[in-house]
């Protein structure tokens, strides 16, 4: 199963490991055809000339509405801290396996820390659990689903007890459907879908 950026990544893996693939489910993705768009080339050129990537500018460019400066600024330091933390794990070696050591863990870690505001000491574990739970062929996928569900249960319980943060988790917990408050099961389901969909 491949979706979004997982398409080009997963389909390459499928071609290189054809003997391990019975079927493909391809959703909401594309394939690189060898020709690169002018937009991608402009982005690549920008990224090469700006090694200290302006996180706020990238965030602002990814939204359909203008974000207030304080909202944009709030992502700068935590994003840089996450990136630096991942790089620090392999910088001494002078090399890395980019996909395994950076590209795969970064989006999930950013999502759990910056969007869900998961406790920092739990981010790495829940990121790994959700990744393995979403791979049906993973030998421990079922156990990871159970552990991920238990984490979400505890997370929701703690968030209900804590001060509101004004984030998406608070919005889900306080939501209503057709005039009635959402049930606990609906909260659990929505947060599970957020985690799986990123």
C-alpha atoms as a PDB file:
ATOM      1  CA  UNK A   1       0.000   0.000   0.000  1.00  0.00           C
ATOM      2  CA  UNK A   2       1.462   3.343  -1.032  1.00  0.00           C
ATOM      3  CA  UNK A   3       0.044   6.820  -0.632  1.00  0.00           C
ATOM      4  CA  UNK A   4       1.301  10.381  -1.131  1.00  0.00           C
ATOM      5  CA  UNK A   5       5.141  10.490  -0.981  1.00  0.00           C
ATOM      6  CA  UNK A   6       5.013   6.797  -0.149  1.00  0.00           C
ATOM      7  CA  UNK A   7       4.177   6.225  -3.832  1.00  0.00           C
ATOM      8  CA  UNK A   8       7.542   7.123  -5.347  1.00  0.00           C
ATOM      9  CA  UNK A   9       9.366   5.636  -2.355  1.00  0.00           C
ATOM     10  CA  UNK A  10       7.333   2.433  -2.020  1.00  0.00           C
ATOM     11  CA  UNK A  11       6.999   1.755  -5.723  1.00  0.00           C
ATOM     12  CA  UNK A  12      10.755   1.981  -6.146  1.00  0.00           C
ATOM     13  CA  UNK A  13      11.086  -0.576  -3.332  1.00  0.00           C
ATOM     14  CA  UNK A  14       8.438  -2.767  -5.019  1.00  0.00           C
ATOM     15  CA  UNK A  15      10.352  -2.761  -8.314  1.00  0.00           C
ATOM     16  CA  UNK A  16      13.607  -3.621  -6.534  1.00  0.00           C
ATOM     17  CA  UNK A  17      11.885  -6.366  -4.495  1.00  0.00           C
ATOM     18  CA  UNK A  18       9.374  -7.714  -7.012  1.00  0.00           C
ATOM     19  CA  UNK A  19       9.717 -11.235  -5.626  1.00  0.00           C
ATOM     20  CA  UNK A  20       8.249 -10.007  -2.300  1.00  0.00           C
ATOM     21  CA  UNK A  21       5.236  -8.196  -3.801  1.00  0.00           C
ATOM     22  CA  UNK A  22       1.948  -9.921  -4.649  1.00  0.00           C
ATOM     23  CA  UNK A  23      -0.269  -6.867  -5.170  1.00  0.00           C
ATOM     24  CA  UNK A  24      -0.137  -3.087  -5.047  1.00  0.00           C
ATOM     25  CA  UNK A  25      -2.647  -0.614  -3.695  1.00  0.00           C
ATOM     26  CA  UNK A  26      -1.710   2.844  -4.994  1.00  0.00           C
ATOM     27  CA  UNK A  27      -3.574   5.850  -3.585  1.00  0.00           C
ATOM     28  CA  UNK A  28      -3.302   9.609  -4.037  1.00  0.00           C
ATOM     29  CA  UNK A  29       0.241   9.591  -5.374  1.00  0.00           C
ATOM     30  CA  UNK A  30       2.271   9.947  -8.498  1.00  0.00           C
ATOM     31  CA  UNK A  31       5.310   8.561 -10.218  1.00  0.00           C
ATOM     32  CA  UNK A  32       8.408  10.365 -11.267  1.00  0.00           C
ATOM     33  CA  UNK A  33       8.737   9.964 -15.017  1.00  0.00           C
ATOM     34  CA  UNK A  34      12.264  11.211 -15.416  1.00  0.00           C
ATOM     35  CA  UNK A  35      11.208  14.753 -16.256  1.00  0.00           C
ATOM     36  CA  UNK A  36      11.206  17.177 -13.383  1.00  0.00           C
ATOM     37  CA  UNK A  37       8.871  20.166 -13.262  1.00  0.00           C
ATOM     38  CA  UNK A  38      10.113  23.743 -13.233  1.00  0.00           C
ATOM     39  CA  UNK A  39       8.488  24.150  -9.811  1.00  0.00           C
ATOM     40  CA  UNK A  40      10.464  21.243  -8.356  1.00  0.00           C
ATOM     41  CA  UNK A  41      13.693  22.546  -9.874  1.00  0.00           C
ATOM     42  CA  UNK A  42      13.018  26.008  -8.404  1.00  0.00           C
ATOM     43  CA  UNK A  43      12.450  24.408  -4.980  1.00  0.00           C
ATOM     44  CA  UNK A  44      15.621  22.334  -5.273  1.00  0.00           C
ATOM     45  CA  UNK A  45      17.660  25.381  -6.301  1.00  0.00           C
ATOM     46  CA  UNK A  46      16.222  27.384  -3.413  1.00  0.00           C
ATOM     47  CA  UNK A  47      16.994  24.598  -0.912  1.00  0.00           C
ATOM     48  CA  UNK A  48      20.565  24.251  -2.208  1.00  0.00           C
ATOM     49  CA  UNK A  49      21.209  27.993  -1.895  1.00  0.00           C
ATOM     50  CA  UNK A  50      19.602  28.225   1.564  1.00  0.00           C
ATOM     51  CA  UNK A  51      21.110  25.501   3.751  1.00  0.00           C
ATOM     52  CA  UNK A  52      19.556  27.215   6.791  1.00  0.00           C
ATOM     53  CA  UNK A  53      16.055  26.651   5.439  1.00  0.00           C
ATOM     54  CA  UNK A  54      13.584  29.287   6.678  1.00  0.00           C
ATOM     55  CA  UNK A  55      11.032  27.031   8.355  1.00  0.00           C
ATOM     56  CA  UNK A  56       8.489  29.820   8.760  1.00  0.00           C
ATOM     57  CA  UNK A  57       8.576  30.736   5.099  1.00  0.00           C
ATOM     58  CA  UNK A  58       8.095  27.096   4.073  1.00  0.00           C
ATOM     59  CA  UNK A  59       5.190  26.725   6.514  1.00  0.00           C
ATOM     60  CA  UNK A  60       3.550  29.924   5.312  1.00  0.00           C
ATOM     61  CA  UNK A  61       3.908  28.791   1.704  1.00  0.00           C
ATOM     62  CA  UNK A  62       2.192  25.484   2.497  1.00  0.00           C
ATOM     63  CA  UNK A  63      -1.013  27.074   3.790  1.00  0.00           C
ATOM     64  CA  UNK A  64      -3.970  28.537   1.958  1.00  0.00           C
ATOM     65  CA  UNK A  65      -4.441  31.377   4.439  1.00  0.00           C
ATOM     66  CA  UNK A  66      -1.967  33.840   5.869  1.00  0.00           C
ATOM     67  CA  UNK A  67      -0.798  32.650   9.278  1.00  0.00           C
ATOM     68  CA  UNK A  68      -0.044  35.229  11.972  1.00  0.00           C
ATOM     69  CA  UNK A  69       3.678  35.857  12.513  1.00  0.00           C
ATOM     70  CA  UNK A  70       3.557  34.447  16.058  1.00  0.00           C
ATOM     71  CA  UNK A  71       2.088  31.158  14.798  1.00  0.00           C
ATOM     72  CA  UNK A  72       4.752  30.831  12.113  1.00  0.00           C
ATOM     73  CA  UNK A  73       7.523  31.748  14.578  1.00  0.00           C
ATOM     74  CA  UNK A  74       6.298  29.123  17.033  1.00  0.00           C
ATOM     75  CA  UNK A  75       7.288  26.357  14.575  1.00  0.00           C
ATOM     76  CA  UNK A  76      10.814  27.629  13.875  1.00  0.00           C
ATOM     77  CA  UNK A  77      12.697  26.512  17.019  1.00  0.00           C
ATOM     78  CA  UNK A  78      10.911  23.172  17.578  1.00  0.00           C
ATOM     79  CA  UNK A  79      11.360  22.175  13.939  1.00  0.00           C
ATOM     80  CA  UNK A  80      15.058  23.028  14.010  1.00  0.00           C
ATOM     81  CA  UNK A  81      15.430  21.128  17.316  1.00  0.00           C
ATOM     82  CA  UNK A  82      13.817  18.010  15.794  1.00  0.00           C
ATOM     83  CA  UNK A  83      15.998  18.169  12.680  1.00  0.00           C
ATOM     84  CA  UNK A  84      19.156  18.765  14.711  1.00  0.00           C
ATOM     85  CA  UNK A  85      18.287  15.905  17.076  1.00  0.00           C
ATOM     86  CA  UNK A  86      17.937  13.460  14.196  1.00  0.00           C
ATOM     87  CA  UNK A  87      21.133  14.664  12.516  1.00  0.00           C
ATOM     88  CA  UNK A  88      23.060  14.470  15.800  1.00  0.00           C
ATOM     89  CA  UNK A  89      22.401  10.724  15.889  1.00  0.00           C
ATOM     90  CA  UNK A  90      24.491  10.094  12.773  1.00  0.00           C
ATOM     91  CA  UNK A  91      26.699  13.154  12.298  1.00  0.00           C
ATOM     92  CA  UNK A  92      29.662  11.572  14.113  1.00  0.00           C
ATOM     93  CA  UNK A  93      29.610   8.658  11.679  1.00  0.00           C
ATOM     94  CA  UNK A  94      29.844  11.110   8.782  1.00  0.00           C
ATOM     95  CA  UNK A  95      27.182   9.203   6.887  1.00  0.00           C
ATOM     96  CA  UNK A  96      23.654   7.896   7.243  1.00  0.00           C
ATOM     97  CA  UNK A  97      21.007   5.781   5.623  1.00  0.00           C
ATOM     98  CA  UNK A  98      18.888   8.811   4.773  1.00  0.00           C
ATOM     99  CA  UNK A  99      15.474   7.152   4.522  1.00  0.00           C
ATOM    100  CA  UNK A 100      15.787   5.092   7.707  1.00  0.00           C
ATOM    101  CA  UNK A 101      17.617   7.605   9.873  1.00  0.00           C
ATOM    102  CA  UNK A 102      16.036  10.873   8.769  1.00  0.00           C
ATOM    103  CA  UNK A 103      13.320  10.920   6.084  1.00  0.00           C
ATOM    104  CA  UNK A 104      11.030   8.342   7.704  1.00  0.00           C
ATOM    105  CA  UNK A 105      11.248   9.418  11.358  1.00  0.00           C
ATOM    106  CA  UNK A 106      11.125  13.193  10.793  1.00  0.00           C
ATOM    107  CA  UNK A 107       7.520  13.697   9.549  1.00  0.00           C
ATOM    108  CA  UNK A 108       6.052  11.522  12.299  1.00  0.00           C
ATOM    109  CA  UNK A 109       8.177  13.097  15.007  1.00  0.00           C
ATOM    110  CA  UNK A 110       7.187  16.559  13.771  1.00  0.00           C
ATOM    111  CA  UNK A 111       3.528  15.556  13.701  1.00  0.00           C
ATOM    112  CA  UNK A 112       3.499  14.046  17.200  1.00  0.00           C
ATOM    113  CA  UNK A 113       5.457  16.876  18.758  1.00  0.00           C
ATOM    114  CA  UNK A 114       4.272  19.950  16.852  1.00  0.00           C
ATOM    115  CA  UNK A 115       0.677  19.047  16.006  1.00  0.00           C
ATOM    116  CA  UNK A 116      -0.505  16.649  18.705  1.00  0.00           C
ATOM    117  CA  UNK A 117       1.835  18.031  21.378  1.00  0.00           C
ATOM    118  CA  UNK A 118       2.673  14.546  22.578  1.00  0.00           C
ATOM    119  CA  UNK A 119       4.994  14.394  25.577  1.00  0.00           C
ATOM    120  CA  UNK A 120       8.534  14.776  24.145  1.00  0.00           C
ATOM    121  CA  UNK A 121       9.822  11.662  25.924  1.00  0.00           C
ATOM    122  CA  UNK A 122       7.115   9.581  24.187  1.00  0.00           C
ATOM    123  CA  UNK A 123       7.475  10.916  20.631  1.00  0.00           C
ATOM    124  CA  UNK A 124      10.091   8.454  19.402  1.00  0.00           C
ATOM    125  CA  UNK A 125       8.228   5.432  20.780  1.00  0.00           C
ATOM    126  CA  UNK A 126       4.762   6.376  19.491  1.00  0.00           C
ATOM    127  CA  UNK A 127       6.225   7.374  16.120  1.00  0.00           C
ATOM    128  CA  UNK A 128       7.832   3.929  15.800  1.00  0.00           C
ATOM    129  CA  UNK A 129       4.651   2.166  16.970  1.00  0.00           C
ATOM    130  CA  UNK A 130       2.428   4.019  14.514  1.00  0.00           C
ATOM    131  CA  UNK A 131       4.854   3.359  11.670  1.00  0.00           C
ATOM    132  CA  UNK A 132       4.989  -0.384  12.355  1.00  0.00           C
ATOM    133  CA  UNK A 133       1.228  -0.584  13.019  1.00  0.00           C
ATOM    134  CA  UNK A 134       0.536   0.878   9.582  1.00  0.00           C
ATOM    135  CA  UNK A 135       2.542  -1.820   7.780  1.00  0.00           C
ATOM    136  CA  UNK A 136       0.247  -4.859   7.601  1.00  0.00           C
ATOM    137  CA  UNK A 137       3.123  -7.193   6.733  1.00  0.00           C
ATOM    138  CA  UNK A 138       5.121  -6.137   9.784  1.00  0.00           C
ATOM    139  CA  UNK A 139       5.369  -9.176  12.080  1.00  0.00           C
ATOM    140  CA  UNK A 140       4.471  -7.043  15.105  1.00  0.00           C
ATOM    141  CA  UNK A 141       1.790  -4.892  13.424  1.00  0.00           C
ATOM    142  CA  UNK A 142      -1.009  -6.257  15.624  1.00  0.00           C
ATOM    143  CA  UNK A 143       0.959  -5.707  18.831  1.00  0.00           C
ATOM    144  CA  UNK A 144       1.835  -2.198  17.652  1.00  0.00           C
ATOM    145  CA  UNK A 145      -1.868  -1.448  17.016  1.00  0.00           C
ATOM    146  CA  UNK A 146      -2.691  -2.556  20.554  1.00  0.00           C
ATOM    147  CA  UNK A 147       0.165  -0.489  22.018  1.00  0.00           C
ATOM    148  CA  UNK A 148      -0.711   2.538  19.867  1.00  0.00           C
ATOM    149  CA  UNK A 149      -4.359   2.338  20.949  1.00  0.00           C
ATOM    150  CA  UNK A 150      -3.275   2.158  24.610  1.00  0.00           C
ATOM    151  CA  UNK A 151      -1.035   5.200  24.080  1.00  0.00           C
ATOM    152  CA  UNK A 152      -3.904   7.163  22.495  1.00  0.00           C
ATOM    153  CA  UNK A 153      -6.175   6.179  25.401  1.00  0.00           C
ATOM    154  CA  UNK A 154      -3.636   7.472  27.950  1.00  0.00           C
ATOM    155  CA  UNK A 155      -2.883  10.550  25.856  1.00  0.00           C
ATOM    156  CA  UNK A 156      -6.565  11.529  25.604  1.00  0.00           C
ATOM    157  CA  UNK A 157      -7.041  10.916  29.333  1.00  0.00           C
ATOM    158  CA  UNK A 158      -4.091  13.183  30.196  1.00  0.00           C
ATOM    159  CA  UNK A 159      -5.193  15.871  27.750  1.00  0.00           C
ATOM    160  CA  UNK A 160      -8.705  15.902  29.249  1.00  0.00           C
ATOM    161  CA  UNK A 161      -7.156  16.402  32.720  1.00  0.00           C
ATOM    162  CA  UNK A 162      -4.702  19.104  31.638  1.00  0.00           C
ATOM    163  CA  UNK A 163      -5.044  22.753  30.695  1.00  0.00           C
ATOM    164  CA  UNK A 164      -6.447  23.390  27.198  1.00  0.00           C
ATOM    165  CA  UNK A 165      -3.777  24.269  24.639  1.00  0.00           C
ATOM    166  CA  UNK A 166      -6.027  25.501  21.852  1.00  0.00           C
ATOM    167  CA  UNK A 167      -4.750  22.862  19.449  1.00  0.00           C
ATOM    168  CA  UNK A 168      -6.345  20.208  17.267  1.00  0.00           C
ATOM    169  CA  UNK A 169      -6.540  17.726  20.163  1.00  0.00           C
ATOM    170  CA  UNK A 170      -8.576  20.213  22.210  1.00  0.00           C
ATOM    171  CA  UNK A 171     -10.794  20.834  19.180  1.00  0.00           C
ATOM    172  CA  UNK A 172     -11.456  17.094  18.822  1.00  0.00           C
ATOM    173  CA  UNK A 173     -12.087  16.555  22.536  1.00  0.00           C
ATOM    174  CA  UNK A 174     -14.485  19.513  22.639  1.00  0.00           C
ATOM    175  CA  UNK A 175     -16.200  18.816  19.324  1.00  0.00           C
ATOM    176  CA  UNK A 176     -19.867  18.122  18.805  1.00  0.00           C
ATOM    177  CA  UNK A 177     -21.740  16.335  16.044  1.00  0.00           C
ATOM    178  CA  UNK A 178     -25.276  17.451  15.302  1.00  0.00           C
ATOM    179  CA  UNK A 179     -25.461  19.195  18.669  1.00  0.00           C
ATOM    180  CA  UNK A 180     -24.181  16.361  20.857  1.00  0.00           C
ATOM    181  CA  UNK A 181     -20.677  16.057  22.296  1.00  0.00           C
ATOM    182  CA  UNK A 182     -18.471  13.521  20.560  1.00  0.00           C
ATOM    183  CA  UNK A 183     -18.158  10.219  22.365  1.00  0.00           C
ATOM    184  CA  UNK A 184     -14.895   8.903  23.753  1.00  0.00           C
ATOM    185  CA  UNK A 185     -14.827   6.307  20.969  1.00  0.00           C
ATOM    186  CA  UNK A 186     -15.224   9.049  18.359  1.00  0.00           C
ATOM    187  CA  UNK A 187     -12.367  11.028  19.926  1.00  0.00           C
ATOM    188  CA  UNK A 188     -10.193   7.894  19.863  1.00  0.00           C
ATOM    189  CA  UNK A 189     -11.135   7.230  16.235  1.00  0.00           C
ATOM    190  CA  UNK A 190     -10.428  10.789  15.088  1.00  0.00           C
ATOM    191  CA  UNK A 191      -7.022  10.875  16.759  1.00  0.00           C
ATOM    192  CA  UNK A 192      -6.200   7.448  15.314  1.00  0.00           C
ATOM    193  CA  UNK A 193      -7.109   8.717  11.838  1.00  0.00           C
ATOM    194  CA  UNK A 194      -4.981  11.823  12.367  1.00  0.00           C
ATOM    195  CA  UNK A 195      -2.029   9.661  13.351  1.00  0.00           C
ATOM    196  CA  UNK A 196      -2.404   7.319  10.395  1.00  0.00           C
ATOM    197  CA  UNK A 197      -3.095  10.111   7.917  1.00  0.00           C
ATOM    198  CA  UNK A 198      -0.570  12.537   9.368  1.00  0.00           C
END
